[in-house]
Amino acid sequence: MNYVEHALELAVENVKEGGHPFGAVLVQGDKVIAEGVNQLHHRFDVTAHAELEVIRKAQESLQTQDLSDCTMYASGEPCPMCLTAMYFAGIKTVYYSQSIHEAEEAGLGMAKTVYMDLAKPSEQRKINMIHTPHESTNEDPMELYKQQNESNTHSE
């Protein structure tokens, strides 16, 4: 099976049903673990991209967050959000057919816009990131996590 072609077929079907032109297939070895399409036309959820849909399905069915032995096949070049999720899931290889430039030409330019914005220093980006360091007397969640992680490491 040509998995990129399958992702493109899913994308075409999604457009015919009123959705965006994005489909994805996640493969482990030679087995399809999950497939899906962009679901923005069905849900008020900006994260309902095809790649994230298949990552969610795969992690749920495999009961793991580690998808490092899987390969993503996508109809379009992943946006920064989907690419970031792939980093967190451990996915090392992505095959895609249509570029973010082609998506932009079709009227879907947000991925390119975000990639360009992320390339800028944080103080020049469109979203203001304001650091407010932990100073309260409440427990520090990062320190608590670090302590728990250290005690788990020592108990193994």
C-alpha atoms as a PDB file:
ATOM      1  CA  MET A   1       0.000   0.000   0.000  1.00  0.00           C
ATOM      2  CA  ASN A   2       1.206   3.502  -0.819  1.00  0.00           C
ATOM      3  CA  TYR A   3       0.508   5.284   2.479  1.00  0.00           C
ATOM      4  CA  VAL A   4       0.977   8.826   1.142  1.00  0.00           C
ATOM      5  CA  GLU A   5      -1.528   8.060  -1.626  1.00  0.00           C
ATOM      6  CA  HIS A   6      -3.913   6.735   1.012  1.00  0.00           C
ATOM      7  CA  ALA A   7      -3.507   9.945   3.048  1.00  0.00           C
ATOM      8  CA  LEU A   8      -4.278  11.937  -0.119  1.00  0.00           C
ATOM      9  CA  GLU A   9      -7.395   9.822  -0.744  1.00  0.00           C
ATOM     10  CA  LEU A  10      -8.552  10.504   2.812  1.00  0.00           C
ATOM     11  CA  ALA A  11      -7.949  14.234   2.243  1.00  0.00           C
ATOM     12  CA  VAL A  12      -9.957  14.245  -1.006  1.00  0.00           C
ATOM     13  CA  GLU A  13     -12.844  12.471   0.708  1.00  0.00           C
ATOM     14  CA  ASN A  14     -12.688  14.989   3.562  1.00  0.00           C
ATOM     15  CA  VAL A  15     -12.921  17.923   1.146  1.00  0.00           C
ATOM     16  CA  LYS A  16     -15.935  16.291  -0.511  1.00  0.00           C
ATOM     17  CA  GLU A  17     -17.548  16.108   2.937  1.00  0.00           C
ATOM     18  CA  GLY A  18     -16.917  19.809   3.610  1.00  0.00           C
ATOM     19  CA  GLY A  19     -13.592  19.581   5.408  1.00  0.00           C
ATOM     20  CA  HIS A  20     -10.030  20.701   4.809  1.00  0.00           C
ATOM     21  CA  PRO A  21      -7.678  18.829   2.442  1.00  0.00           C
ATOM     22  CA  PHE A  22      -5.703  16.930   5.068  1.00  0.00           C
ATOM     23  CA  GLY A  23      -5.452  13.208   5.777  1.00  0.00           C
ATOM     24  CA  ALA A  24      -2.901  11.190   7.718  1.00  0.00           C
ATOM     25  CA  VAL A  25      -1.901   7.570   8.225  1.00  0.00           C
ATOM     26  CA  LEU A  26       0.329   6.292  11.039  1.00  0.00           C
ATOM     27  CA  VAL A  27       2.196   3.067  10.326  1.00  0.00           C
ATOM     28  CA  GLN A  28       4.118   0.751  12.642  1.00  0.00           C
ATOM     29  CA  GLY A  29       6.265  -1.652  10.630  1.00  0.00           C
ATOM     30  CA  ASP A  30       3.906  -2.520   7.787  1.00  0.00           C
ATOM     31  CA  LYS A  31       0.694  -2.182   9.814  1.00  0.00           C
ATOM     32  CA  VAL A  32      -1.606   0.854   9.760  1.00  0.00           C
ATOM     33  CA  ILE A  33      -2.087   1.838  13.404  1.00  0.00           C
ATOM     34  CA  ALA A  34      -4.408   4.787  12.814  1.00  0.00           C
ATOM     35  CA  GLU A  35      -5.730   6.997  10.056  1.00  0.00           C
ATOM     36  CA  GLY A  36      -7.756  10.155  10.084  1.00  0.00           C
ATOM     37  CA  VAL A  37      -8.622  13.492   8.585  1.00  0.00           C
ATOM     38  CA  ASN A  38      -8.828  17.098   9.655  1.00  0.00           C
ATOM     39  CA  GLN A  39     -11.989  17.398  11.784  1.00  0.00           C
ATOM     40  CA  LEU A  40     -12.310  21.185  12.051  1.00  0.00           C
ATOM     41  CA  HIS A  41     -15.599  21.086  10.138  1.00  0.00           C
ATOM     42  CA  HIS A  42     -17.089  18.752  12.764  1.00  0.00           C
ATOM     43  CA  ARG A  43     -15.772  20.206  16.005  1.00  0.00           C
ATOM     44  CA  PHE A  44     -14.899  23.555  17.528  1.00  0.00           C
ATOM     45  CA  ASP A  45     -11.342  22.392  18.174  1.00  0.00           C
ATOM     46  CA  VAL A  46      -8.354  24.030  16.478  1.00  0.00           C
ATOM     47  CA  THR A  47      -6.240  20.978  17.344  1.00  0.00           C
ATOM     48  CA  ALA A  48      -8.422  18.594  15.295  1.00  0.00           C
ATOM     49  CA  HIS A  49      -5.795  18.263  12.560  1.00  0.00           C
ATOM     50  CA  ALA A  50      -5.386  14.931  10.769  1.00  0.00           C
ATOM     51  CA  GLU A  51      -1.959  14.182  12.259  1.00  0.00           C
ATOM     52  CA  LEU A  52      -3.095  14.932  15.806  1.00  0.00           C
ATOM     53  CA  GLU A  53      -6.202  12.817  15.306  1.00  0.00           C
ATOM     54  CA  VAL A  54      -4.098   9.789  14.341  1.00  0.00           C
ATOM     55  CA  ILE A  55      -1.577  10.382  17.138  1.00  0.00           C
ATOM     56  CA  ARG A  56      -4.435  10.440  19.666  1.00  0.00           C
ATOM     57  CA  LYS A  57      -5.982   7.263  18.212  1.00  0.00           C
ATOM     58  CA  ALA A  58      -2.640   5.438  18.133  1.00  0.00           C
ATOM     59  CA  GLN A  59      -1.623   6.392  21.653  1.00  0.00           C
ATOM     60  CA  GLU A  60      -5.011   5.341  22.982  1.00  0.00           C
ATOM     61  CA  SER A  61      -5.077   2.014  21.149  1.00  0.00           C
ATOM     62  CA  LEU A  62      -1.427   1.184  21.939  1.00  0.00           C
ATOM     63  CA  GLN A  63      -1.695   2.608  25.486  1.00  0.00           C
ATOM     64  CA  THR A  64       1.551   4.545  25.135  1.00  0.00           C
ATOM     65  CA  GLN A  65       2.836   8.025  24.458  1.00  0.00           C
ATOM     66  CA  ASP A  66       5.900   6.611  22.678  1.00  0.00           C
ATOM     67  CA  LEU A  67       5.337   6.282  18.935  1.00  0.00           C
ATOM     68  CA  SER A  68       9.041   6.219  18.068  1.00  0.00           C
ATOM     69  CA  ASP A  69       8.608   3.013  16.081  1.00  0.00           C
ATOM     70  CA  CYS A  70       5.912   4.587  13.877  1.00  0.00           C
ATOM     71  CA  THR A  71       6.078   6.572  10.638  1.00  0.00           C
ATOM     72  CA  MET A  72       3.658   9.358   9.744  1.00  0.00           C
ATOM     73  CA  TYR A  73       2.291   9.695   6.221  1.00  0.00           C
ATOM     74  CA  ALA A  74       0.407  12.918   5.574  1.00  0.00           C
ATOM     75  CA  SER A  75      -1.304  14.480   2.603  1.00  0.00           C
ATOM     76  CA  GLY A  76       0.182  17.862   3.489  1.00  0.00           C
ATOM     77  CA  GLU A  77       3.319  19.158   5.146  1.00  0.00           C
ATOM     78  CA  PRO A  78       2.583  19.201   8.884  1.00  0.00           C
ATOM     79  CA  CYS A  79       1.909  22.517  10.568  1.00  0.00           C
ATOM     80  CA  PRO A  80       4.080  23.551  13.550  1.00  0.00           C
ATOM     81  CA  MET A  81       1.511  22.245  16.047  1.00  0.00           C
ATOM     82  CA  CYS A  82       1.372  18.786  14.449  1.00  0.00           C
ATOM     83  CA  LEU A  83       5.126  18.661  13.998  1.00  0.00           C
ATOM     84  CA  THR A  84       5.603  19.518  17.665  1.00  0.00           C
ATOM     85  CA  ALA A  85       3.245  16.712  18.681  1.00  0.00           C
ATOM     86  CA  MET A  86       5.291  14.334  16.536  1.00  0.00           C
ATOM     87  CA  TYR A  87       8.448  15.408  18.385  1.00  0.00           C
ATOM     88  CA  PHE A  88       6.740  14.740  21.732  1.00  0.00           C
ATOM     89  CA  ALA A  89       5.468  11.341  20.509  1.00  0.00           C
ATOM     90  CA  GLY A  90       8.938  10.377  19.274  1.00  0.00           C
ATOM     91  CA  ILE A  91       7.996  10.032  15.607  1.00  0.00           C
ATOM     92  CA  LYS A  92      11.208  10.242  13.609  1.00  0.00           C
ATOM     93  CA  THR A  93      10.038  10.108   9.979  1.00  0.00           C
ATOM     94  CA  VAL A  94       7.255  11.936   8.167  1.00  0.00           C
ATOM     95  CA  TYR A  95       6.365  11.564   4.498  1.00  0.00           C
ATOM     96  CA  TYR A  96       4.074  14.201   3.007  1.00  0.00           C
ATOM     97  CA  SER A  97       2.835  15.115  -0.447  1.00  0.00           C
ATOM     98  CA  GLN A  98       1.758  18.744  -0.572  1.00  0.00           C
ATOM     99  CA  SER A  99       3.848  21.593   0.838  1.00  0.00           C
ATOM    100  CA  ILE A 100       2.819  24.466   3.084  1.00  0.00           C
ATOM    101  CA  HIS A 101       3.326  26.688   0.032  1.00  0.00           C
ATOM    102  CA  GLU A 102       0.691  24.690  -1.866  1.00  0.00           C
ATOM    103  CA  ALA A 103      -1.601  24.941   1.159  1.00  0.00           C
ATOM    104  CA  GLU A 104      -1.069  28.703   1.203  1.00  0.00           C
ATOM    105  CA  GLU A 105      -1.974  28.901  -2.499  1.00  0.00           C
ATOM    106  CA  ALA A 106      -5.213  27.045  -1.683  1.00  0.00           C
ATOM    107  CA  GLY A 107      -6.054  29.650   0.996  1.00  0.00           C
ATOM    108  CA  LEU A 108      -4.641  27.752   3.983  1.00  0.00           C
ATOM    109  CA  GLY A 109      -1.636  29.858   4.955  1.00  0.00           C
ATOM    110  CA  MET A 110      -1.617  29.669   8.755  1.00  0.00           C
ATOM    111  CA  ALA A 111       1.090  26.964   8.926  1.00  0.00           C
ATOM    112  CA  LYS A 112       3.493  29.096   6.914  1.00  0.00           C
ATOM    113  CA  THR A 113       2.641  32.157   9.000  1.00  0.00           C
ATOM    114  CA  VAL A 114       3.338  30.299  12.260  1.00  0.00           C
ATOM    115  CA  TYR A 115       6.593  28.756  10.981  1.00  0.00           C
ATOM    116  CA  MET A 116       7.774  32.256   9.995  1.00  0.00           C
ATOM    117  CA  ASP A 117       6.730  33.708  13.342  1.00  0.00           C
ATOM    118  CA  LEU A 118       8.507  30.944  15.302  1.00  0.00           C
ATOM    119  CA  ALA A 119      11.727  31.723  13.430  1.00  0.00           C
ATOM    120  CA  LYS A 120      11.752  35.181  15.024  1.00  0.00           C
ATOM    121  CA  PRO A 121      13.129  35.970  18.494  1.00  0.00           C
ATOM    122  CA  SER A 122      10.320  35.566  21.053  1.00  0.00           C
ATOM    123  CA  GLU A 123      10.061  39.309  21.667  1.00  0.00           C
ATOM    124  CA  GLN A 124       9.255  39.869  17.959  1.00  0.00           C
ATOM    125  CA  ARG A 125       6.485  37.261  17.654  1.00  0.00           C
ATOM    126  CA  LYS A 126       2.792  38.050  17.256  1.00  0.00           C
ATOM    127  CA  ILE A 127       1.902  36.453  20.599  1.00  0.00           C
ATOM    128  CA  ASN A 128       3.249  38.257  23.646  1.00  0.00           C
ATOM    129  CA  MET A 129       4.999  35.830  25.975  1.00  0.00           C
ATOM    130  CA  ILE A 130       5.274  37.331  29.443  1.00  0.00           C
ATOM    131  CA  HIS A 131       7.409  35.469  31.985  1.00  0.00           C
ATOM    132  CA  THR A 132       6.178  35.769  35.562  1.00  0.00           C
ATOM    133  CA  PRO A 133       8.594  33.729  37.708  1.00  0.00           C
ATOM    134  CA  HIS A 134       7.298  31.575  40.558  1.00  0.00           C
ATOM    135  CA  GLU A 135       7.575  33.643  43.717  1.00  0.00           C
ATOM    136  CA  SER A 136       4.614  32.623  45.838  1.00  0.00           C
ATOM    137  CA  THR A 137       4.657  30.543  48.985  1.00  0.00           C
ATOM    138  CA  ASN A 138       2.632  27.838  47.212  1.00  0.00           C
ATOM    139  CA  GLU A 139       4.348  24.616  46.209  1.00  0.00           C
ATOM    140  CA  ASP A 140       6.503  24.841  43.115  1.00  0.00           C
ATOM    141  CA  PRO A 141       5.093  22.294  40.613  1.00  0.00           C
ATOM    142  CA  MET A 142       8.404  21.926  38.741  1.00  0.00           C
ATOM    143  CA  GLU A 143      10.338  21.349  41.943  1.00  0.00           C
ATOM    144  CA  LEU A 144       7.724  18.858  43.143  1.00  0.00           C
ATOM    145  CA  TYR A 145       7.958  16.970  39.839  1.00  0.00           C
ATOM    146  CA  LYS A 146      11.761  16.983  40.010  1.00  0.00           C
ATOM    147  CA  GLN A 147      11.694  15.576  43.553  1.00  0.00           C
ATOM    148  CA  GLN A 148       9.198  12.867  42.646  1.00  0.00           C
ATOM    149  CA  ASN A 149      11.178  11.957  39.540  1.00  0.00           C
ATOM    150  CA  GLU A 150      14.428  11.751  41.545  1.00  0.00           C
ATOM    151  CA  SER A 151      12.819   9.528  44.188  1.00  0.00           C
ATOM    152  CA  ASN A 152      11.379   7.259  41.461  1.00  0.00           C
ATOM    153  CA  THR A 153      14.805   7.028  39.810  1.00  0.00           C
ATOM    154  CA  HIS A 154      16.476   6.107  43.118  1.00  0.00           C
ATOM    155  CA  SER A 155      13.858   3.454  43.933  1.00  0.00           C
ATOM    156  CA  GLU A 156      14.428   1.514  40.688  1.00  0.00           C
END
